Amino acid sequence: MTDRLSTGVAGLDRILLGGLYPHRLYLVEGDPGVGKTTLALQFLLAGLQAGERALYITLSETEDEVRAIARAHGWNLDGLAMFEVSALEQQIRMDAENTIFRPSDVELTETTQAILRHVDQIKPDRVVFDSLSELRLLAQSPLRYRREVLNLKTYFSSRKSTVLLFDDRTSQPSDQQLQSLCHGVISLTQYAPDYGTDRRRVRIAKMRGSAFRGGYHDLTIKAGGLEIYPRLVAADHHEDSCARRFRAAFPGSIRCSAAASTAAPAP
């Protein structure tokens, strides 16, 4: 498989050496406010521009809140299918009170079934789950949570969908079990230095079967979406120096190139 899907963020595509492999499950993790929802919308809008069907499943924010973020960036969400799980939860809880089963069991089962029914109707090429913290709370146990995510992975794989799972890491700082289930892990972080404004960064923690540019890369949120600045590596410096010398010696000729430095593919 050689075709890649654009993430909708040019800098992230460069870090991934072309984008994401399709029909796989990826985890995007990061603290609140680091730009996860913005990345989710850029990923889905890139799919719409490519003629694909896209579905945004929001478990933590309302549809109005998501659309407000899109308006702030000047984006038109026409054609994007959205499914707001929070609007379903109240009815599920009311129904659960009239059963002999634990409310959490009923809520998780009904929520998952409602999501999958909606997916069957839309038949999306790209899907975003934002965020998994609510699903983890409904599962109440690590074993059941892992089983739910594994079921989602199997389900979407059979339907040839490319899925981004977003996790705000509020329930558990680092979920190694979830990372092991996904084909790739994109980590977004932010911190406040002693001087200057907050700094945001992105790092590819894992990308199974694919090379990528390792390390931390600076990230900013502007009107119009995320901007990511891939860090320079030794090969980049060598290529620029080589190109300058070659052009000086042979004006008008093509530039020489050096192989980009990449991280080894994850096992």
Protein backbone atom coordinates (compact mmCIF):
# COMPACT_ATOMS: atom_id res chain seq x y z
CA MET A 1 0.00 0.00 0.00
CA THR A 2 1.65 3.26 -1.17
CA ASP A 3 -1.18 5.81 -1.21
CA ARG A 4 -1.26 8.22 1.72
CA LEU A 5 -4.08 10.34 3.11
CA SER A 6 -3.43 13.98 3.87
CA THR A 7 -4.06 14.96 7.49
CA GLY A 8 -5.13 18.41 6.34
CA VAL A 9 -2.03 19.93 7.98
CA ALA A 10 0.88 20.34 5.57
CA GLY A 11 3.54 20.28 8.28
CA LEU A 12 2.16 17.08 9.79
CA ASP A 13 2.10 15.44 6.36
CA ARG A 14 5.78 16.29 6.00
CA ILE A 15 6.58 14.75 9.37
CA LEU A 16 4.70 11.61 8.31
CA LEU A 17 6.53 11.60 4.94
CA GLY A 18 3.34 11.99 2.96
CA GLY A 19 0.46 11.46 5.37
CA LEU A 20 -1.38 8.54 6.95
CA TYR A 21 -1.91 5.11 5.51
CA PRO A 22 -5.64 4.58 4.87
CA HIS A 23 -7.97 2.05 6.52
CA ARG A 24 -6.15 2.14 9.85
CA LEU A 25 -6.81 3.26 13.41
CA TYR A 26 -4.74 6.10 14.88
CA LEU A 27 -4.59 7.65 18.34
CA VAL A 28 -4.17 11.40 18.82
CA GLU A 29 -3.48 12.23 22.45
CA GLY A 30 -2.97 15.56 24.15
CA ASP A 31 -3.99 17.79 27.01
CA PRO A 32 -7.07 20.04 26.71
CA GLY A 33 -6.41 23.18 24.69
CA VAL A 34 -3.54 21.82 22.63
CA GLY A 35 -5.49 21.80 19.32
CA LYS A 36 -7.02 18.33 19.04
CA THR A 37 -10.46 19.45 17.85
CA THR A 38 -8.88 21.76 15.28
CA LEU A 39 -6.76 18.88 13.96
CA ALA A 40 -9.84 16.65 13.86
CA LEU A 41 -11.72 19.14 11.71
CA GLN A 42 -8.77 19.68 9.38
CA PHE A 43 -8.45 15.93 8.88
CA LEU A 44 -12.14 15.56 8.05
CA LEU A 45 -12.28 18.63 5.81
CA ALA A 46 -9.30 17.31 3.85
CA GLY A 47 -11.33 14.17 3.24
CA LEU A 48 -14.34 16.15 2.02
CA GLN A 49 -12.12 18.09 -0.38
CA ALA A 50 -10.86 14.76 -1.73
CA GLY A 51 -14.43 13.59 -2.37
CA GLU A 52 -14.59 11.28 0.64
CA ARG A 53 -17.38 10.84 3.21
CA ALA A 54 -16.46 12.10 6.68
CA LEU A 55 -18.06 11.61 10.10
CA TYR A 56 -17.37 13.50 13.33
CA ILE A 57 -18.47 11.60 16.46
CA THR A 58 -18.36 13.95 19.44
CA LEU A 59 -18.60 12.41 22.89
CA SER A 60 -17.37 15.39 24.91
CA GLU A 61 -18.45 18.55 23.08
CA THR A 62 -21.79 19.50 21.63
CA GLU A 63 -22.29 19.93 17.91
CA ASP A 64 -22.78 23.67 18.45
CA GLU A 65 -19.41 23.90 20.20
CA VAL A 66 -17.67 22.09 17.36
CA ARG A 67 -19.32 24.32 14.76
CA ALA A 68 -18.27 27.40 16.75
CA ILE A 69 -14.63 26.28 16.50
CA ALA A 70 -15.07 25.82 12.75
CA ARG A 71 -16.53 29.32 12.38
CA ALA A 72 -13.60 30.78 14.29
CA HIS A 73 -11.30 29.34 11.62
CA GLY A 74 -13.57 30.38 8.76
CA TRP A 75 -14.46 26.81 7.78
CA ASN A 76 -17.66 25.60 6.15
CA LEU A 77 -18.79 22.24 7.52
CA ASP A 78 -21.38 21.57 4.80
CA GLY A 79 -21.17 17.91 3.85
CA LEU A 80 -19.64 16.84 7.17
CA ALA A 81 -21.79 14.32 9.04
CA MET A 82 -21.86 14.80 12.81
CA PHE A 83 -23.17 12.56 15.58
CA GLU A 84 -23.48 14.03 19.06
CA VAL A 85 -23.36 11.22 21.62
CA SER A 86 -24.03 13.51 24.59
CA ALA A 87 -27.56 14.13 23.32
CA LEU A 88 -28.17 10.40 23.49
CA GLU A 89 -26.88 9.79 27.00
CA GLN A 90 -29.82 11.26 28.92
CA GLN A 91 -32.32 8.98 27.19
CA ILE A 92 -30.06 5.98 27.76
CA ARG A 93 -29.83 6.73 31.48
CA MET A 94 -33.60 7.02 31.73
CA ASP A 95 -34.04 3.67 30.00
CA ALA A 96 -31.36 2.09 32.19
CA GLU A 97 -33.29 2.97 35.35
CA ASN A 98 -36.03 0.61 34.22
CA THR A 99 -33.80 -2.44 33.78
CA ILE A 100 -32.23 -4.98 36.14
CA PHE A 101 -28.78 -4.34 34.65
CA ARG A 102 -26.26 -1.86 35.96
CA PRO A 103 -26.75 1.56 34.33
CA SER A 104 -23.11 1.66 33.18
CA ASP A 105 -23.54 -1.63 31.30
CA VAL A 106 -26.64 -0.38 29.52
CA GLU A 107 -25.11 3.03 28.72
CA LEU A 108 -21.96 1.61 27.12
CA THR A 109 -23.81 -1.00 25.08
CA GLU A 110 -26.47 1.42 23.87
CA THR A 111 -23.95 4.16 23.11
CA THR A 112 -21.76 1.83 21.07
CA GLN A 113 -24.70 0.38 19.18
CA ALA A 114 -26.07 3.85 18.38
CA ILE A 115 -22.68 4.94 17.05
CA LEU A 116 -22.33 1.87 14.84
CA ARG A 117 -25.86 2.27 13.48
CA HIS A 118 -25.02 5.82 12.48
CA VAL A 119 -21.77 4.67 10.87
CA ASP A 120 -23.66 2.04 8.87
CA GLN A 121 -25.91 4.79 7.51
CA ILE A 122 -23.12 7.23 6.60
CA LYS A 123 -20.51 4.69 5.43
CA PRO A 124 -17.69 7.18 6.06
CA ASP A 125 -14.19 7.00 4.64
CA ARG A 126 -12.86 9.10 7.52
CA VAL A 127 -14.04 9.02 11.13
CA VAL A 128 -13.08 11.04 14.22
CA PHE A 129 -13.89 9.99 17.80
CA ASP A 130 -13.57 13.00 20.12
CA SER A 131 -12.86 11.99 22.81
CA LEU A 132 -12.30 8.53 24.26
CA SER A 133 -12.30 9.70 27.88
CA GLU A 134 -16.10 9.40 28.02
CA LEU A 135 -15.96 5.89 26.58
CA ARG A 136 -13.38 4.95 29.21
CA LEU A 137 -15.64 6.27 31.97
CA LEU A 138 -18.59 4.27 30.68
CA ALA A 139 -16.52 1.08 30.50
CA GLN A 140 -15.40 1.51 34.16
CA SER A 141 -12.81 -1.26 33.83
CA PRO A 142 -9.59 -1.37 31.77
CA LEU A 143 -10.46 -4.82 30.40
CA ARG A 144 -13.87 -3.80 29.10
CA TYR A 145 -12.52 -0.53 27.74
CA ARG A 146 -9.77 -2.34 25.82
CA ARG A 147 -12.34 -4.80 24.46
CA GLU A 148 -14.57 -1.94 23.23
CA VAL A 149 -11.68 -0.24 21.45
CA LEU A 150 -10.60 -3.55 19.91
CA ASN A 151 -14.15 -4.12 18.67
CA LEU A 152 -14.17 -0.65 17.11
CA LYS A 153 -10.83 -1.36 15.43
CA THR A 154 -12.13 -4.61 13.93
CA TYR A 155 -15.41 -3.00 12.88
CA PHE A 156 -13.85 -0.05 11.06
CA SER A 157 -11.15 -2.17 9.48
CA SER A 158 -13.82 -4.30 7.81
CA ARG A 159 -15.43 -1.13 6.44
CA LYS A 160 -12.22 0.39 5.05
CA SER A 161 -12.45 3.52 7.20
CA THR A 162 -9.53 5.62 8.43
CA VAL A 163 -10.17 6.51 12.07
CA LEU A 164 -8.63 9.04 14.45
CA LEU A 165 -9.31 8.39 18.14
CA PHE A 166 -8.77 11.49 20.27
CA ASP A 167 -7.86 11.20 23.95
CA ASP A 168 -7.48 14.21 26.26
CA ARG A 169 -5.63 12.11 28.87
CA THR A 170 -7.74 13.51 31.70
CA SER A 171 -8.76 10.07 32.99
CA GLN A 172 -5.37 8.39 32.72
CA PRO A 173 -2.07 10.14 31.91
CA SER A 174 -0.67 7.37 29.71
CA ASP A 175 -2.69 4.46 28.37
CA GLN A 176 -0.16 1.97 26.99
CA GLN A 177 -2.87 -0.58 26.25
CA LEU A 178 -4.68 1.83 23.97
CA GLN A 179 -1.43 2.78 22.24
CA SER A 180 -0.66 -0.87 21.55
CA LEU A 181 -4.00 -1.35 19.77
CA CYS A 182 -3.56 1.56 17.35
CA HIS A 183 -1.47 1.60 14.19
CA GLY A 184 -0.03 4.99 15.06
CA VAL A 185 0.15 7.48 17.93
CA ILE A 186 0.39 11.26 17.50
CA SER A 187 1.14 13.12 20.72
CA LEU A 188 0.34 16.83 21.17
CA THR A 189 1.81 18.66 24.16
CA GLN A 190 2.04 22.18 25.51
CA TYR A 191 4.01 23.80 28.29
CA ALA A 192 4.65 27.26 29.68
CA PRO A 193 8.32 28.30 29.53
CA ASP A 194 9.80 30.72 32.04
CA TYR A 195 9.67 33.45 29.41
CA GLY A 196 7.34 33.98 26.47
CA THR A 197 4.01 32.47 25.56
CA ASP A 198 2.89 28.87 25.88
CA ARG A 199 4.65 26.49 23.52
CA ARG A 200 2.90 23.66 21.71
CA ARG A 201 4.64 20.68 20.12
CA VAL A 202 3.79 17.50 18.24
CA ARG A 203 5.62 14.19 18.28
CA ILE A 204 4.99 10.93 16.46
CA ALA A 205 5.26 8.36 19.24
CA LYS A 206 4.55 5.39 16.97
CA MET A 207 3.69 4.68 13.35
CA ARG A 208 3.52 0.99 12.59
CA GLY A 209 5.16 -0.04 9.31
CA SER A 210 5.98 3.53 8.27
CA ALA A 211 8.96 5.84 8.58
CA PHE A 212 8.55 9.36 9.97
CA ARG A 213 10.51 12.34 11.23
CA GLY A 214 11.17 11.72 14.91
CA GLY A 215 11.46 14.18 17.76
CA TYR A 216 9.42 17.21 18.76
CA HIS A 217 8.13 19.69 16.18
CA ASP A 218 6.75 23.14 17.01
CA LEU A 219 3.02 23.72 16.62
CA THR A 220 0.90 26.86 16.61
CA ILE A 221 -2.86 27.45 16.38
CA LYS A 222 -3.86 30.30 14.11
CA ALA A 223 -7.01 31.44 12.39
CA GLY A 224 -7.26 28.89 9.61
CA GLY A 225 -6.00 25.90 11.59
CA LEU A 226 -2.86 24.30 12.95
CA GLU A 227 0.56 25.11 11.59
CA ILE A 228 3.34 22.62 12.28
CA TYR A 229 7.01 23.34 11.65
CA PRO A 230 9.04 20.16 11.08
CA ARG A 231 12.39 20.49 12.80
CA LEU A 232 15.53 20.51 10.69
CA VAL A 233 17.75 17.44 10.82
CA ALA A 234 21.33 16.92 9.69
CA ALA A 235 20.32 15.82 6.19
CA ASP A 236 18.31 19.03 5.71
CA HIS A 237 21.34 21.17 6.52
CA HIS A 238 23.51 19.07 4.21
CA GLU A 239 20.98 19.30 1.39
CA ASP A 240 20.71 23.08 1.63
CA SER A 241 24.48 23.50 1.71
CA CYS A 242 24.95 21.09 -1.18
CA ALA A 243 22.28 22.84 -3.21
CA ARG A 244 23.85 26.25 -2.70
CA ARG A 245 27.28 25.04 -3.79
CA PHE A 246 25.87 23.21 -6.80
CA ARG A 247 23.83 26.19 -7.99
CA ALA A 248 26.83 28.48 -7.57
CA ALA A 249 29.00 26.18 -9.66
CA PHE A 250 26.35 25.33 -12.26
CA PRO A 251 23.74 28.13 -12.53
CA GLY A 252 20.41 26.96 -13.91
CA SER A 253 21.03 23.27 -13.17
CA ILE A 254 18.80 21.12 -10.99
CA ARG A 255 19.59 21.03 -7.31
CA CYS A 256 21.27 18.06 -5.73
CA SER A 257 19.50 16.20 -2.98
CA ALA A 258 20.21 14.28 0.15
CA ALA A 259 18.09 11.59 1.69
CA ALA A 260 15.77 12.87 4.41
CA SER A 261 16.50 11.65 7.89
CA THR A 262 13.69 9.51 9.17
CA ALA A 263 12.90 7.43 12.18
CA ALA A 264 12.91 3.70 11.70
CA PRO A 265 9.49 2.13 11.11
CA ALA A 266 7.83 0.94 14.31
CA PRO A 267 7.64 -2.84 14.69
